[in-house]
Structure formats: structure tokens, C-alpha cells
């Protein structure tokens, strides 16, 4: 069974020169360990901006992920 059925999912959103990138349906661990650090590195390099992690209700909780601290 997919863990997404029992755990909250999140959306990672950011902008690049090519446009907006939206990655939905991510588990907390996927944001924290994989997608978040990748987006954060892109932000540090100046190739991504307006990085946000959103709850299923659309609330911005980016600061709750240590990969963005």
C-alpha cells in the first residue's frame, strides 16, 4: 500500500528561467531528503527562486523543513 494514503502530502513550488515548477504529492521525507535540498541548491546558485512548500490546503510551511533553514 502506498504511504501517501495515510500521510500528508506536500507541494514543492519554485520558479526558474523556464517558468514555474510544481511537484505535488510529495511525502515529507521526499521534500526533506531529495526534492527540497535540490531546490535549495538551485536557489543558492540563483537558478531557482520563490521556493515554497505548501500543505494540501495551500498553506506555506517552507520554514518547517530544515533543508531550507
PDB file of N, CA and C in Angstrom:
ATOM      1  N   UNK A   1       0.834  -1.180   0.000  1.00  0.00           N
ATOM      2  CA  UNK A   1       0.000   0.000   0.000  1.00  0.00           C
ATOM      3  C   UNK A   1       0.880   1.245   0.000  1.00  0.00           C
ATOM      4  N   UNK A   2       0.458   2.231  -0.737  1.00  0.00           N
ATOM      5  CA  UNK A   2       1.193   3.486  -0.848  1.00  0.00           C
ATOM      6  C   UNK A   2       1.061   4.299   0.434  1.00  0.00           C
ATOM      7  N   UNK A   3       2.192   4.769   0.957  1.00  0.00           N
ATOM      8  CA  UNK A   3       2.185   5.559   2.201  1.00  0.00           C
ATOM      9  C   UNK A   3       1.420   6.864   2.056  1.00  0.00           C
ATOM     10  N   UNK A   4       1.214   7.336   0.836  1.00  0.00           N
ATOM     11  CA  UNK A   4       0.509   8.593   0.627  1.00  0.00           C
ATOM     12  C   UNK A   4      -0.946   8.523   1.090  1.00  0.00           C
ATOM     13  N   UNK A   5      -1.485   7.307   1.152  1.00  0.00           N
ATOM     14  CA  UNK A   5      -2.876   7.153   1.582  1.00  0.00           C
ATOM     15  C   UNK A   5      -3.045   7.482   3.063  1.00  0.00           C
ATOM     16  N   UNK A   6      -1.971   7.384   3.852  1.00  0.00           N
ATOM     17  CA  UNK A   6      -2.052   7.578   5.301  1.00  0.00           C
ATOM     18  C   UNK A   6      -1.238   8.759   5.813  1.00  0.00           C
ATOM     19  N   UNK A   7      -0.485   9.396   4.966  1.00  0.00           N
ATOM     20  CA  UNK A   7       0.385  10.504   5.374  1.00  0.00           C
ATOM     21  C   UNK A   7       0.067  11.754   4.560  1.00  0.00           C
ATOM     22  N   UNK A   8       0.247  12.917   5.168  1.00  0.00           N
ATOM     23  CA  UNK A   8       0.006  14.143   4.408  1.00  0.00           C
ATOM     24  C   UNK A   8       1.010  14.271   3.266  1.00  0.00           C
ATOM     25  N   UNK A   9       0.569  14.877   2.202  1.00  0.00           N
ATOM     26  CA  UNK A   9       1.473  15.150   1.089  1.00  0.00           C
ATOM     27  C   UNK A   9       1.629  16.656   0.931  1.00  0.00           C
ATOM     28  N   UNK A  10       2.690  17.037   0.260  1.00  0.00           N
ATOM     29  CA  UNK A  10       3.051  18.430   0.113  1.00  0.00           C
ATOM     30  C   UNK A  10       3.336  18.751  -1.345  1.00  0.00           C
ATOM     31  N   UNK A  11       3.301  20.026  -1.657  1.00  0.00           N
ATOM     32  CA  UNK A  11       3.659  20.503  -2.989  1.00  0.00           C
ATOM     33  C   UNK A  11       4.877  21.400  -2.859  1.00  0.00           C
ATOM     34  N   UNK A  12       5.887  21.117  -3.650  1.00  0.00           N
ATOM     35  CA  UNK A  12       7.071  21.968  -3.740  1.00  0.00           C
ATOM     36  C   UNK A  12       6.924  22.799  -5.003  1.00  0.00           C
ATOM     37  N   UNK A  13       7.055  24.107  -4.833  1.00  0.00           N
ATOM     38  CA  UNK A  13       6.862  25.017  -5.966  1.00  0.00           C
ATOM     39  C   UNK A  13       8.013  26.008  -6.000  1.00  0.00           C
ATOM     40  N   UNK A  14       8.532  26.273  -7.189  1.00  0.00           N
ATOM     41  CA  UNK A  14       9.567  27.295  -7.357  1.00  0.00           C
ATOM     42  C   UNK A  14       9.576  27.764  -8.808  1.00  0.00           C
ATOM     43  N   UNK A  15      10.259  28.875  -9.029  1.00  0.00           N
ATOM     44  CA  UNK A  15      10.370  29.432 -10.372  1.00  0.00           C
ATOM     45  C   UNK A  15      11.795  29.295 -10.876  1.00  0.00           C
ATOM     46  N   UNK A  16      11.918  29.106 -12.186  1.00  0.00           N
ATOM     47  CA  UNK A  16      13.204  29.093 -12.871  1.00  0.00           C
ATOM     48  C   UNK A  16      13.072  29.965 -14.119  1.00  0.00           C
ATOM     49  N   UNK A  17      14.153  30.122 -14.832  1.00  0.00           N
ATOM     50  CA  UNK A  17      14.099  30.880 -16.092  1.00  0.00           C
ATOM     51  C   UNK A  17      13.086  30.268 -17.056  1.00  0.00           C
ATOM     52  N   UNK A  18      12.898  28.956 -16.983  1.00  0.00           N
ATOM     53  CA  UNK A  18      11.981  28.265 -17.895  1.00  0.00           C
ATOM     54  C   UNK A  18      10.522  28.386 -17.461  1.00  0.00           C
ATOM     55  N   UNK A  19      10.276  28.865 -16.238  1.00  0.00           N
ATOM     56  CA  UNK A  19       8.907  29.009 -15.747  1.00  0.00           C
ATOM     57  C   UNK A  19       8.724  28.356 -14.390  1.00  0.00           C
ATOM     58  N   UNK A  20       7.465  28.237 -13.989  1.00  0.00           N
ATOM     59  CA  UNK A  20       7.146  27.678 -12.677  1.00  0.00           C
ATOM     60  C   UNK A  20       7.263  26.151 -12.691  1.00  0.00           C
ATOM     61  N   UNK A  21       7.846  25.614 -11.632  1.00  0.00           N
ATOM     62  CA  UNK A  21       7.954  24.169 -11.439  1.00  0.00           C
ATOM     63  C   UNK A  21       7.075  23.813 -10.250  1.00  0.00           C
ATOM     64  N   UNK A  22       6.207  22.829 -10.419  1.00  0.00           N
ATOM     65  CA  UNK A  22       5.317  22.385  -9.348  1.00  0.00           C
ATOM     66  C   UNK A  22       5.433  20.875  -9.237  1.00  0.00           C
ATOM     67  N   UNK A  23       5.835  20.418  -8.056  1.00  0.00           N
ATOM     68  CA  UNK A  23       5.953  18.991  -7.793  1.00  0.00           C
ATOM     69  C   UNK A  23       5.006  18.652  -6.656  1.00  0.00           C
ATOM     70  N   UNK A  24       3.898  18.040  -6.976  1.00  0.00           N
ATOM     71  CA  UNK A  24       2.873  17.734  -5.989  1.00  0.00           C
ATOM     72  C   UNK A  24       2.913  16.291  -5.523  1.00  0.00           C
ATOM     73  N   UNK A  25       2.162  16.021  -4.457  1.00  0.00           N
ATOM     74  CA  UNK A  25       2.037  14.666  -3.948  1.00  0.00           C
ATOM     75  C   UNK A  25       3.284  14.120  -3.290  1.00  0.00           C
ATOM     76  N   UNK A  26       4.135  14.993  -2.751  1.00  0.00           N
ATOM     77  CA  UNK A  26       5.380  14.565  -2.125  1.00  0.00           C
ATOM     78  C   UNK A  26       5.180  14.276  -0.642  1.00  0.00           C
ATOM     79  N   UNK A  27       5.782  13.208  -0.167  1.00  0.00           N
ATOM     80  CA  UNK A  27       5.808  12.926   1.264  1.00  0.00           C
ATOM     81  C   UNK A  27       6.815  13.849   1.930  1.00  0.00           C
ATOM     82  N   UNK A  28       6.669  14.044   3.233  1.00  0.00           N
ATOM     83  CA  UNK A  28       7.609  14.890   3.990  1.00  0.00           C
ATOM     84  C   UNK A  28       9.055  14.450   3.739  1.00  0.00           C
ATOM     85  N   UNK A  29       9.296  13.141   3.774  1.00  0.00           N
ATOM     86  CA  UNK A  29      10.661  12.641   3.581  1.00  0.00           C
ATOM     87  C   UNK A  29      11.179  12.947   2.178  1.00  0.00           C
ATOM     88  N   UNK A  30      10.322  12.932   1.184  1.00  0.00           N
ATOM     89  CA  UNK A  30      10.753  13.245  -0.176  1.00  0.00           C
ATOM     90  C   UNK A  30      11.145  14.715  -0.304  1.00  0.00           C
ATOM     91  N   UNK A  31      10.408  15.587   0.372  1.00  0.00           N
ATOM     92  CA  UNK A  31      10.769  17.005   0.367  1.00  0.00           C
ATOM     93  C   UNK A  31      12.063  17.199   1.133  1.00  0.00           C
ATOM     94  N   UNK A  32      12.137  16.652   2.337  1.00  0.00           N
ATOM     95  CA  UNK A  32      13.270  16.876   3.227  1.00  0.00           C
ATOM     96  C   UNK A  32      14.583  16.290   2.700  1.00  0.00           C
ATOM     97  N   UNK A  33      14.522  15.115   2.101  1.00  0.00           N
ATOM     98  CA  UNK A  33      15.751  14.411   1.736  1.00  0.00           C
ATOM     99  C   UNK A  33      16.156  14.544   0.271  1.00  0.00           C
ATOM    100  N   UNK A  34      15.212  14.812  -0.615  1.00  0.00           N
ATOM    101  CA  UNK A  34      15.537  14.792  -2.037  1.00  0.00           C
ATOM    102  C   UNK A  34      15.194  16.092  -2.761  1.00  0.00           C
ATOM    103  N   UNK A  35      13.918  16.355  -2.911  1.00  0.00           N
ATOM    104  CA  UNK A  35      13.474  17.486  -3.722  1.00  0.00           C
ATOM    105  C   UNK A  35      13.818  18.835  -3.089  1.00  0.00           C
ATOM    106  N   UNK A  36      13.679  18.940  -1.768  1.00  0.00           N
ATOM    107  CA  UNK A  36      13.987  20.184  -1.081  1.00  0.00           C
ATOM    108  C   UNK A  36      15.447  20.590  -1.196  1.00  0.00           C
ATOM    109  N   UNK A  37      16.377  19.689  -0.851  1.00  0.00           N
ATOM    110  CA  UNK A  37      17.786  20.066  -0.990  1.00  0.00           C
ATOM    111  C   UNK A  37      18.174  20.429  -2.425  1.00  0.00           C
ATOM    112  N   UNK A  38      17.583  19.734  -3.395  1.00  0.00           N
ATOM    113  CA  UNK A  38      17.863  20.052  -4.799  1.00  0.00           C
ATOM    114  C   UNK A  38      17.391  21.467  -5.121  1.00  0.00           C
ATOM    115  N   UNK A  39      16.172  21.807  -4.708  1.00  0.00           N
ATOM    116  CA  UNK A  39      15.649  23.151  -4.952  1.00  0.00           C
ATOM    117  C   UNK A  39      16.449  24.201  -4.179  1.00  0.00           C
ATOM    118  N   UNK A  40      16.854  23.879  -2.960  1.00  0.00           N
ATOM    119  CA  UNK A  40      17.631  24.818  -2.151  1.00  0.00           C
ATOM    120  C   UNK A  40      18.984  25.107  -2.805  1.00  0.00           C
ATOM    121  N   UNK A  41      19.629  24.087  -3.335  1.00  0.00           N
ATOM    122  CA  UNK A  41      20.899  24.279  -4.035  1.00  0.00           C
ATOM    123  C   UNK A  41      20.703  25.160  -5.257  1.00  0.00           C
ATOM    124  N   UNK A  42      19.628  24.914  -5.989  1.00  0.00           N
ATOM    125  CA  UNK A  42      19.324  25.760  -7.146  1.00  0.00           C
ATOM    126  C   UNK A  42      19.099  27.213  -6.713  1.00  0.00           C
ATOM    127  N   UNK A  43      18.460  27.392  -5.546  1.00  0.00           N
ATOM    128  CA  UNK A  43      18.257  28.735  -5.016  1.00  0.00           C
ATOM    129  C   UNK A  43      19.573  29.404  -4.677  1.00  0.00           C
ATOM    130  N   UNK A  44      20.474  28.649  -4.058  1.00  0.00           N
ATOM    131  CA  UNK A  44      21.796  29.184  -3.723  1.00  0.00           C
ATOM    132  C   UNK A  44      22.575  29.577  -4.975  1.00  0.00           C
ATOM    133  N   UNK A  45      22.367  28.818  -6.043  1.00  0.00           N
ATOM    134  CA  UNK A  45      23.058  29.097  -7.312  1.00  0.00           C
ATOM    135  C   UNK A  45      22.387  30.209  -8.106  1.00  0.00           C
ATOM    136  N   UNK A  46      21.194  30.621  -7.681  1.00  0.00           N
ATOM    137  CA  UNK A  46      20.469  31.667  -8.375  1.00  0.00           C
ATOM    138  C   UNK A  46      19.670  31.175  -9.570  1.00  0.00           C
ATOM    139  N   UNK A  47      19.489  29.856  -9.681  1.00  0.00           N
ATOM    140  CA  UNK A  47      18.734  29.317 -10.810  1.00  0.00           C
ATOM    141  C   UNK A  47      17.290  28.989 -10.444  1.00  0.00           C
ATOM    142  N   UNK A  48      16.927  29.153  -9.179  1.00  0.00           N
ATOM    143  CA  UNK A  48      15.543  28.970  -8.721  1.00  0.00           C
ATOM    144  C   UNK A  48      15.245  30.023  -7.665  1.00  0.00           C
ATOM    145  N   UNK A  49      14.002  30.472  -7.631  1.00  0.00           N
ATOM    146  CA  UNK A  49      13.587  31.471  -6.649  1.00  0.00           C
ATOM    147  C   UNK A  49      12.118  31.260  -6.320  1.00  0.00           C
ATOM    148  N   UNK A  50      11.632  32.003  -5.336  1.00  0.00           N
ATOM    149  CA  UNK A  50      10.246  31.842  -4.862  1.00  0.00           C
ATOM    150  C   UNK A  50       9.948  30.395  -4.480  1.00  0.00           C
ATOM    151  N   UNK A  51      10.868  29.777  -3.794  1.00  0.00           N
ATOM    152  CA  UNK A  51      10.725  28.373  -3.391  1.00  0.00           C
ATOM    153  C   UNK A  51       9.740  28.290  -2.230  1.00  0.00           C
ATOM    154  N   UNK A  52       8.790  27.378  -2.340  1.00  0.00           N
ATOM    155  CA  UNK A  52       7.784  27.222  -1.286  1.00  0.00           C
ATOM    156  C   UNK A  52       7.345  25.771  -1.191  1.00  0.00           C
ATOM    157  N   UNK A  53       7.081  25.351   0.038  1.00  0.00           N
ATOM    158  CA  UNK A  53       6.458  24.051   0.292  1.00  0.00           C
ATOM    159  C   UNK A  53       5.068  24.340   0.832  1.00  0.00           C
ATOM    160  N   UNK A  54       4.069  23.750   0.196  1.00  0.00           N
ATOM    161  CA  UNK A  54       2.679  24.003   0.554  1.00  0.00           C
ATOM    162  C   UNK A  54       2.004  22.741   1.073  1.00  0.00           C
ATOM    163  N   UNK A  55       1.097  22.935   2.035  1.00  0.00           N
ATOM    164  CA  UNK A  55       0.288  21.824   2.523  1.00  0.00           C
ATOM    165  C   UNK A  55      -0.796  21.519   1.495  1.00  0.00           C
ATOM    166  N   UNK A  56      -1.560  20.484   1.762  1.00  0.00           N
ATOM    167  CA  UNK A  56      -2.668  20.139   0.879  1.00  0.00           C
ATOM    168  C   UNK A  56      -3.705  21.254   0.822  1.00  0.00           C
ATOM    169  N   UNK A  57      -3.749  22.095   1.881  1.00  0.00           N
ATOM    170  CA  UNK A  57      -4.672  23.230   1.937  1.00  0.00           C
ATOM    171  C   UNK A  57      -4.087  24.504   1.344  1.00  0.00           C
ATOM    172  N   UNK A  58      -2.834  24.449   0.866  1.00  0.00           N
ATOM    173  CA  UNK A  58      -2.201  25.608   0.255  1.00  0.00           C
ATOM    174  C   UNK A  58      -1.448  26.516   1.206  1.00  0.00           C
ATOM    175  N   UNK A  59      -1.280  26.107   2.480  1.00  0.00           N
ATOM    176  CA  UNK A  59      -0.540  26.923   3.445  1.00  0.00           C
ATOM    177  C   UNK A  59       0.967  26.743   3.230  1.00  0.00           C
ATOM    178  N   UNK A  60       1.684  27.841   3.222  1.00  0.00           N
ATOM    179  CA  UNK A  60       3.135  27.824   3.040  1.00  0.00           C
ATOM    180  C   UNK A  60       3.801  27.411   4.354  1.00  0.00           C
ATOM    181  N   UNK A  61       4.486  26.270   4.339  1.00  0.00           N
ATOM    182  CA  UNK A  61       5.183  25.773   5.534  1.00  0.00           C
ATOM    183  C   UNK A  61       6.656  25.510   5.244  1.00  0.00           C
ATOM    184  N   UNK A  62       7.211  26.256   4.326  1.00  0.00           N
ATOM    185  CA  UNK A  62       8.599  26.072   3.913  1.00  0.00           C
ATOM    186  C   UNK A  62       9.549  26.070   5.102  1.00  0.00           C
ATOM    187  N   UNK A  63       9.343  26.969   6.051  1.00  0.00           N
ATOM    188  CA  UNK A  63      10.228  27.098   7.208  1.00  0.00           C
ATOM    189  C   UNK A  63      10.221  25.911   8.144  1.00  0.00           C
ATOM    190  N   UNK A  64       9.283  25.013   8.001  1.00  0.00           N
ATOM    191  CA  UNK A  64       9.236  23.826   8.855  1.00  0.00           C
ATOM    192  C   UNK A  64      10.143  22.711   8.356  1.00  0.00           C
ATOM    193  N   UNK A  65      10.771  22.901   7.219  1.00  0.00           N
ATOM    194  CA  UNK A  65      11.678  21.901   6.667  1.00  0.00           C
ATOM    195  C   UNK A  65      13.105  22.385   6.856  1.00  0.00           C
ATOM    196  N   UNK A  66      13.913  21.590   7.557  1.00  0.00           N
ATOM    197  CA  UNK A  66      15.280  22.015   7.869  1.00  0.00           C
ATOM    198  C   UNK A  66      16.150  22.146   6.623  1.00  0.00           C
ATOM    199  N   UNK A  67      15.776  21.513   5.531  1.00  0.00           N
ATOM    200  CA  UNK A  67      16.572  21.649   4.323  1.00  0.00           C
ATOM    201  C   UNK A  67      16.529  23.070   3.768  1.00  0.00           C
ATOM    202  N   UNK A  68      15.605  23.892   4.243  1.00  0.00           N
ATOM    203  CA  UNK A  68      15.503  25.286   3.806  1.00  0.00           C
ATOM    204  C   UNK A  68      15.938  26.272   4.877  1.00  0.00           C
ATOM    205  N   UNK A  69      16.430  25.791   5.994  1.00  0.00           N
ATOM    206  CA  UNK A  69      16.820  26.688   7.099  1.00  0.00           C
ATOM    207  C   UNK A  69      18.201  27.243   6.905  1.00  0.00           C
TER     208      UNK A  69
END
